Structure formats: C-alpha cells, structure tokens
PDB file of N, CA and C in Angstrom:
ATOM      1  N   UNK A   1      -9.014  23.201  30.589  1.00  0.00           N
ATOM      2  CA  UNK A   1      -8.811  22.066  29.717  1.00  0.00           C
ATOM      3  C   UNK A   1      -7.756  22.442  28.668  1.00  0.00           C
ATOM      4  N   UNK A   2      -6.798  21.577  28.489  1.00  0.00           N
ATOM      5  CA  UNK A   2      -5.721  21.823  27.535  1.00  0.00           C
ATOM      6  C   UNK A   2      -6.183  21.434  26.142  1.00  0.00           C
ATOM      7  N   UNK A   3      -5.858  22.292  25.197  1.00  0.00           N
ATOM      8  CA  UNK A   3      -6.208  21.979  23.812  1.00  0.00           C
ATOM      9  C   UNK A   3      -5.218  20.963  23.266  1.00  0.00           C
ATOM     10  N   UNK A   4      -5.731  19.933  22.622  1.00  0.00           N
ATOM     11  CA  UNK A   4      -4.887  18.863  22.079  1.00  0.00           C
ATOM     12  C   UNK A   4      -4.004  19.385  20.954  1.00  0.00           C
ATOM     13  N   UNK A   5      -4.510  20.328  20.185  1.00  0.00           N
ATOM     14  CA  UNK A   5      -3.798  20.799  18.998  1.00  0.00           C
ATOM     15  C   UNK A   5      -2.846  21.955  19.275  1.00  0.00           C
ATOM     16  N   UNK A   6      -2.672  22.348  20.527  1.00  0.00           N
ATOM     17  CA  UNK A   6      -1.733  23.431  20.810  1.00  0.00           C
ATOM     18  C   UNK A   6      -0.339  22.977  20.426  1.00  0.00           C
ATOM     19  N   UNK A   7       0.365  23.825  19.736  1.00  0.00           N
ATOM     20  CA  UNK A   7       1.698  23.479  19.277  1.00  0.00           C
ATOM     21  C   UNK A   7       1.706  22.684  17.984  1.00  0.00           C
ATOM     22  N   UNK A   8       0.539  22.235  17.537  1.00  0.00           N
ATOM     23  CA  UNK A   8       0.413  21.466  16.292  1.00  0.00           C
ATOM     24  C   UNK A   8      -0.750  22.017  15.476  1.00  0.00           C
ATOM     25  N   UNK A   9      -0.694  23.286  15.150  1.00  0.00           N
ATOM     26  CA  UNK A   9      -1.830  23.898  14.460  1.00  0.00           C
ATOM     27  C   UNK A   9      -2.038  23.375  13.040  1.00  0.00           C
ATOM     28  N   UNK A  10      -1.018  22.746  12.458  1.00  0.00           N
ATOM     29  CA  UNK A  10      -1.167  22.315  11.069  1.00  0.00           C
ATOM     30  C   UNK A  10      -1.551  20.843  10.936  1.00  0.00           C
ATOM     31  N   UNK A  11      -1.953  20.187  12.017  1.00  0.00           N
ATOM     32  CA  UNK A  11      -2.394  18.796  11.917  1.00  0.00           C
ATOM     33  C   UNK A  11      -3.632  18.696  11.030  1.00  0.00           C
ATOM     34  N   UNK A  12      -4.571  19.585  11.194  1.00  0.00           N
ATOM     35  CA  UNK A  12      -5.784  19.555  10.366  1.00  0.00           C
ATOM     36  C   UNK A  12      -5.431  19.759   8.897  1.00  0.00           C
ATOM     37  N   UNK A  13      -4.493  20.650   8.637  1.00  0.00           N
ATOM     38  CA  UNK A  13      -4.060  20.892   7.253  1.00  0.00           C
ATOM     39  C   UNK A  13      -3.402  19.633   6.690  1.00  0.00           C
ATOM     40  N   UNK A  14      -2.576  18.997   7.499  1.00  0.00           N
ATOM     41  CA  UNK A  14      -1.892  17.770   7.067  1.00  0.00           C
ATOM     42  C   UNK A  14      -2.894  16.657   6.780  1.00  0.00           C
ATOM     43  N   UNK A  15      -3.862  16.495   7.671  1.00  0.00           N
ATOM     44  CA  UNK A  15      -4.887  15.460   7.481  1.00  0.00           C
ATOM     45  C   UNK A  15      -5.679  15.740   6.204  1.00  0.00           C
ATOM     46  N   UNK A  16      -6.028  16.969   5.983  1.00  0.00           N
ATOM     47  CA  UNK A  16      -6.773  17.331   4.775  1.00  0.00           C
ATOM     48  C   UNK A  16      -5.946  17.044   3.526  1.00  0.00           C
ATOM     49  N   UNK A  17      -4.684  17.415   3.553  1.00  0.00           N
ATOM     50  CA  UNK A  17      -3.804  17.177   2.404  1.00  0.00           C
ATOM     51  C   UNK A  17      -3.641  15.684   2.149  1.00  0.00           C
ATOM     52  N   UNK A  18      -3.438  14.903   3.211  1.00  0.00           N
ATOM     53  CA  UNK A  18      -3.276  13.459   3.047  1.00  0.00           C
ATOM     54  C   UNK A  18      -4.557  12.801   2.553  1.00  0.00           C
ATOM     55  N   UNK A  19      -5.683  13.285   2.991  1.00  0.00           N
ATOM     56  CA  UNK A  19      -6.969  12.755   2.520  1.00  0.00           C
ATOM     57  C   UNK A  19      -7.137  13.016   1.023  1.00  0.00           C
ATOM     58  N   UNK A  20      -6.783  14.220   0.597  1.00  0.00           N
ATOM     59  CA  UNK A  20      -6.874  14.561  -0.828  1.00  0.00           C
ATOM     60  C   UNK A  20      -5.902  13.707  -1.642  1.00  0.00           C
ATOM     61  N   UNK A  21      -4.710  13.500  -1.124  1.00  0.00           N
ATOM     62  CA  UNK A  21      -3.722  12.684  -1.828  1.00  0.00           C
ATOM     63  C   UNK A  21      -4.192  11.231  -1.913  1.00  0.00           C
ATOM     64  N   UNK A  22      -4.777  10.725  -0.836  1.00  0.00           N
ATOM     65  CA  UNK A  22      -5.300   9.357  -0.843  1.00  0.00           C
ATOM     66  C   UNK A  22      -6.395   9.203  -1.894  1.00  0.00           C
ATOM     67  N   UNK A  23      -7.255  10.185  -2.011  1.00  0.00           N
ATOM     68  CA  UNK A  23      -8.322  10.138  -3.016  1.00  0.00           C
ATOM     69  C   UNK A  23      -7.734  10.144  -4.424  1.00  0.00           C
ATOM     70  N   UNK A  24      -6.717  10.960  -4.640  1.00  0.00           N
ATOM     71  CA  UNK A  24      -6.072  11.016  -5.955  1.00  0.00           C
ATOM     72  C   UNK A  24      -5.389   9.691  -6.276  1.00  0.00           C
ATOM     73  N   UNK A  25      -4.729   9.109  -5.290  1.00  0.00           N
ATOM     74  CA  UNK A  25      -4.068   7.825  -5.502  1.00  0.00           C
ATOM     75  C   UNK A  25      -5.078   6.717  -5.781  1.00  0.00           C
ATOM     76  N   UNK A  26      -6.179   6.732  -5.064  1.00  0.00           N
ATOM     77  CA  UNK A  26      -7.237   5.751  -5.291  1.00  0.00           C
ATOM     78  C   UNK A  26      -7.752   5.850  -6.724  1.00  0.00           C
ATOM     79  N   UNK A  27      -7.932   7.072  -7.187  1.00  0.00           N
ATOM     80  CA  UNK A  27      -8.403   7.301  -8.551  1.00  0.00           C
ATOM     81  C   UNK A  27      -7.381   6.783  -9.568  1.00  0.00           C
ATOM     82  N   UNK A  28      -6.110   7.041  -9.303  1.00  0.00           N
ATOM     83  CA  UNK A  28      -5.056   6.587 -10.224  1.00  0.00           C
ATOM     84  C   UNK A  28      -4.976   5.068 -10.268  1.00  0.00           C
ATOM     85  N   UNK A  29      -5.158   4.425  -9.122  1.00  0.00           N
ATOM     86  CA  UNK A  29      -5.147   2.966  -9.081  1.00  0.00           C
ATOM     87  C   UNK A  29      -6.282   2.416  -9.941  1.00  0.00           C
ATOM     88  N   UNK A  30      -7.442   3.034  -9.863  1.00  0.00           N
ATOM     89  CA  UNK A  30      -8.584   2.615 -10.679  1.00  0.00           C
ATOM     90  C   UNK A  30      -8.258   2.761 -12.168  1.00  0.00           C
ATOM     91  N   UNK A  31      -7.649   3.888 -12.537  1.00  0.00           N
ATOM     92  CA  UNK A  31      -7.257   4.102 -13.934  1.00  0.00           C
ATOM     93  C   UNK A  31      -6.249   3.049 -14.385  1.00  0.00           C
ATOM     94  N   UNK A  32      -5.264   2.754 -13.554  1.00  0.00           N
ATOM     95  CA  UNK A  32      -4.247   1.768 -13.920  1.00  0.00           C
ATOM     96  C   UNK A  32      -4.838   0.370 -14.052  1.00  0.00           C
ATOM     97  N   UNK A  33      -5.776   0.030 -13.187  1.00  0.00           N
ATOM     98  CA  UNK A  33      -6.443  -1.265 -13.321  1.00  0.00           C
ATOM     99  C   UNK A  33      -7.169  -1.376 -14.644  1.00  0.00           C
ATOM    100  N   UNK A  34      -7.846  -0.305 -15.059  1.00  0.00           N
ATOM    101  CA  UNK A  34      -8.547  -0.322 -16.338  1.00  0.00           C
ATOM    102  C   UNK A  34      -7.557  -0.421 -17.490  1.00  0.00           C
ATOM    103  N   UNK A  35      -6.429   0.264 -17.377  1.00  0.00           N
ATOM    104  CA  UNK A  35      -5.407   0.160 -18.423  1.00  0.00           C
ATOM    105  C   UNK A  35      -4.875  -1.261 -18.525  1.00  0.00           C
ATOM    106  N   UNK A  36      -4.717  -1.945 -17.391  1.00  0.00           N
ATOM    107  CA  UNK A  36      -4.278  -3.339 -17.412  1.00  0.00           C
ATOM    108  C   UNK A  36      -5.306  -4.229 -18.102  1.00  0.00           C
ATOM    109  N   UNK A  37      -6.575  -3.980 -17.858  1.00  0.00           N
ATOM    110  CA  UNK A  37      -7.634  -4.736 -18.536  1.00  0.00           C
ATOM    111  C   UNK A  37      -7.540  -4.503 -20.047  1.00  0.00           C
ATOM    112  N   UNK A  38      -7.336  -3.250 -20.446  1.00  0.00           N
ATOM    113  CA  UNK A  38      -7.227  -2.924 -21.871  1.00  0.00           C
ATOM    114  C   UNK A  38      -6.010  -3.601 -22.506  1.00  0.00           C
ATOM    115  N   UNK A  39      -4.875  -3.582 -21.814  1.00  0.00           N
ATOM    116  CA  UNK A  39      -3.660  -4.231 -22.330  1.00  0.00           C
ATOM    117  C   UNK A  39      -3.900  -5.732 -22.458  1.00  0.00           C
ATOM    118  N   UNK A  40      -4.534  -6.323 -21.473  1.00  0.00           N
ATOM    119  CA  UNK A  40      -4.829  -7.750 -21.531  1.00  0.00           C
ATOM    120  C   UNK A  40      -5.728  -8.076 -22.724  1.00  0.00           C
ATOM    121  N   UNK A  41      -6.724  -7.240 -22.967  1.00  0.00           N
ATOM    122  CA  UNK A  41      -7.610  -7.455 -24.117  1.00  0.00           C
ATOM    123  C   UNK A  41      -6.834  -7.389 -25.424  1.00  0.00           C
ATOM    124  N   UNK A  42      -5.939  -6.414 -25.544  1.00  0.00           N
ATOM    125  CA  UNK A  42      -5.127  -6.295 -26.773  1.00  0.00           C
ATOM    126  C   UNK A  42      -4.202  -7.495 -26.928  1.00  0.00           C
ATOM    127  N   UNK A  43      -3.602  -7.943 -25.825  1.00  0.00           N
ATOM    128  CA  UNK A  43      -2.714  -9.112 -25.891  1.00  0.00           C
ATOM    129  C   UNK A  43      -3.481 -10.356 -26.320  1.00  0.00           C
ATOM    130  N   UNK A  44      -4.684 -10.515 -25.810  1.00  0.00           N
ATOM    131  CA  UNK A  44      -5.514 -11.659 -26.184  1.00  0.00           C
ATOM    132  C   UNK A  44      -5.859 -11.608 -27.665  1.00  0.00           C
ATOM    133  N   UNK A  45      -6.227 -10.432 -28.145  1.00  0.00           N
ATOM    134  CA  UNK A  45      -6.565 -10.279 -29.566  1.00  0.00           C
ATOM    135  C   UNK A  45      -5.351 -10.581 -30.451  1.00  0.00           C
ATOM    136  N   UNK A  46      -4.178 -10.075 -30.071  1.00  0.00           N
ATOM    137  CA  UNK A  46      -2.973 -10.333 -30.855  1.00  0.00           C
ATOM    138  C   UNK A  46      -2.599 -11.805 -30.821  1.00  0.00           C
ATOM    139  N   UNK A  47      -2.726 -12.422 -29.673  1.00  0.00           N
ATOM    140  CA  UNK A  47      -2.423 -13.844 -29.558  1.00  0.00           C
ATOM    141  C   UNK A  47      -3.334 -14.662 -30.470  1.00  0.00           C
ATOM    142  N   UNK A  48      -4.601 -14.313 -30.485  1.00  0.00           N
ATOM    143  CA  UNK A  48      -5.559 -15.005 -31.343  1.00  0.00           C
ATOM    144  C   UNK A  48      -5.176 -14.849 -32.810  1.00  0.00           C
ATOM    145  N   UNK A  49      -4.824 -13.632 -33.204  1.00  0.00           N
ATOM    146  CA  UNK A  49      -4.407 -13.393 -34.595  1.00  0.00           C
ATOM    147  C   UNK A  49      -3.154 -14.178 -34.948  1.00  0.00           C
ATOM    148  N   UNK A  50      -2.189 -14.189 -34.050  1.00  0.00           N
ATOM    149  CA  UNK A  50      -0.946 -14.921 -34.314  1.00  0.00           C
ATOM    150  C   UNK A  50      -1.200 -16.417 -34.441  1.00  0.00           C
ATOM    151  N   UNK A  51      -2.076 -16.950 -33.611  1.00  0.00           N
ATOM    152  CA  UNK A  51      -2.388 -18.379 -33.724  1.00  0.00           C
ATOM    153  C   UNK A  51      -3.096 -18.686 -35.032  1.00  0.00           C
ATOM    154  N   UNK A  52      -3.990 -17.798 -35.463  1.00  0.00           N
ATOM    155  CA  UNK A  52      -4.669 -18.002 -36.747  1.00  0.00           C
ATOM    156  C   UNK A  52      -3.670 -17.956 -37.894  1.00  0.00           C
ATOM    157  N   UNK A  53      -2.759 -16.967 -37.859  1.00  0.00           N
ATOM    158  CA  UNK A  53      -1.749 -16.853 -38.913  1.00  0.00           C
ATOM    159  C   UNK A  53      -0.834 -18.071 -38.939  1.00  0.00           C
ATOM    160  N   UNK A  54      -0.464 -18.562 -37.763  1.00  0.00           N
ATOM    161  CA  UNK A  54       0.409 -19.733 -37.694  1.00  0.00           C
ATOM    162  C   UNK A  54      -0.288 -20.951 -38.286  1.00  0.00           C
ATOM    163  N   UNK A  55      -1.575 -21.122 -38.006  1.00  0.00           N
ATOM    164  CA  UNK A  55      -2.328 -22.246 -38.577  1.00  0.00           C
ATOM    165  C   UNK A  55      -2.458 -22.092 -40.080  1.00  0.00           C
ATOM    166  N   UNK A  56      -2.674 -20.861 -40.540  1.00  0.00           N
ATOM    167  CA  UNK A  56      -2.810 -20.615 -41.974  1.00  0.00           C
ATOM    168  C   UNK A  56      -1.518 -20.890 -42.718  1.00  0.00           C
ATOM    169  N   UNK A  57      -0.377 -20.616 -42.104  1.00  0.00           N
ATOM    170  CA  UNK A  57       0.919 -20.829 -42.735  1.00  0.00           C
ATOM    171  C   UNK A  57       1.230 -22.322 -42.860  1.00  0.00           C
ATOM    172  N   UNK A  58       0.704 -23.130 -41.957  1.00  0.00           N
ATOM    173  CA  UNK A  58       0.943 -24.584 -41.995  1.00  0.00           C
ATOM    174  C   UNK A  58       0.000 -25.277 -42.960  1.00  0.00           C
ATOM    175  N   UNK A  59      -1.029 -24.584 -43.384  1.00  0.00           N
ATOM    176  CA  UNK A  59      -2.024 -25.215 -44.242  1.00  0.00           C
ATOM    177  C   UNK A  59      -3.124 -25.822 -43.400  1.00  0.00           C
ATOM    178  N   UNK A  60      -4.082 -26.445 -44.041  1.00  0.00           N
ATOM    179  CA  UNK A  60      -5.199 -27.016 -43.281  1.00  0.00           C
ATOM    180  C   UNK A  60      -4.725 -28.179 -42.421  1.00  0.00           C
ATOM    181  N   UNK A  61      -5.394 -28.391 -41.327  1.00  0.00           N
ATOM    182  CA  UNK A  61      -5.036 -29.498 -40.441  1.00  0.00           C
ATOM    183  C   UNK A  61      -5.426 -30.814 -41.097  1.00  0.00           C
ATOM    184  N   UNK A  62      -4.796 -31.915 -40.711  1.00  0.00           N
ATOM    185  CA  UNK A  62      -5.156 -33.219 -41.303  1.00  0.00           C
ATOM    186  C   UNK A  62      -6.628 -33.551 -41.120  1.00  0.00           C
ATOM    187  N   UNK A  63      -7.217 -33.165 -40.047  1.00  0.00           N
ATOM    188  CA  UNK A  63      -8.639 -33.432 -39.831  1.00  0.00           C
ATOM    189  C   UNK A  63      -9.481 -32.732 -40.881  1.00  0.00           C
ATOM    190  N   UNK A  64      -9.093 -31.545 -41.257  1.00  0.00           N
ATOM    191  CA  UNK A  64      -9.845 -30.817 -42.286  1.00  0.00           C
ATOM    192  C   UNK A  64      -9.674 -31.481 -43.647  1.00  0.00           C
ATOM    193  N   UNK A  65      -8.480 -31.966 -43.933  1.00  0.00           N
ATOM    194  CA  UNK A  65      -8.232 -32.599 -45.229  1.00  0.00           C
ATOM    195  C   UNK A  65      -9.046 -33.876 -45.327  1.00  0.00           C
ATOM    196  N   UNK A  66      -9.086 -34.680 -44.285  1.00  0.00           N
ATOM    197  CA  UNK A  66      -9.827 -35.940 -44.281  1.00  0.00           C
ATOM    198  C   UNK A  66     -11.325 -35.734 -44.422  1.00  0.00           C
ATOM    199  N   UNK A  67     -11.818 -34.606 -43.881  1.00  0.00           N
ATOM    200  CA  UNK A  67     -13.274 -34.405 -43.889  1.00  0.00           C
ATOM    201  C   UNK A  67     -13.782 -33.897 -45.230  1.00  0.00           C
ATOM    202  N   UNK A  68     -12.897 -33.602 -46.149  1.00  0.00           N
ATOM    203  CA  UNK A  68     -13.353 -33.124 -47.468  1.00  0.00           C
ATOM    204  C   UNK A  68     -13.877 -34.297 -48.285  1.00  0.00           C
ATOM    205  N   UNK A  69     -14.928 -34.077 -49.061  1.00  0.00           N
ATOM    206  CA  UNK A  69     -15.489 -35.186 -49.904  1.00  0.00           C
ATOM    207  C   UNK A  69     -14.606 -35.528 -51.078  1.00  0.00           C
TER     208      UNK A  69
END
C-alpha cells in the first residue's frame, strides 16, 4: 500500500499551522467586532450630547414655553 503522504511530509505541519492561524484570526475577528460595538456606543453617546447641546443653544422649544403657567 502506498503512503499518501510520501513526498509531502510537511502536510501535517502545514495543516496544524493553518489551524492555529485560523483560530487566531477567529479570535481577532471577535475582538474587532467588540471594538465596533464600543465605537458605536461612543458615537451614540456623543450624538446624544450634541443634540442636547444644540437644543440648549436654541433655547426652550415653543411647546415648553406654552406649557409654562
């Protein structure tokens, strides 16, 4: 019976290396996804602050002025 790996003794090494690299890449993708979530949260918080500041600079809305006694 002929050995399949004759002449290609480093296939197992290559497969092992690629498996390790795939695991590392998978881990990095997970980290990057979490960083995107964090960036989105910061952008949302900043947007909220900017909208509040913009409303404050214009003064109270007409609805607020009318509702005062």
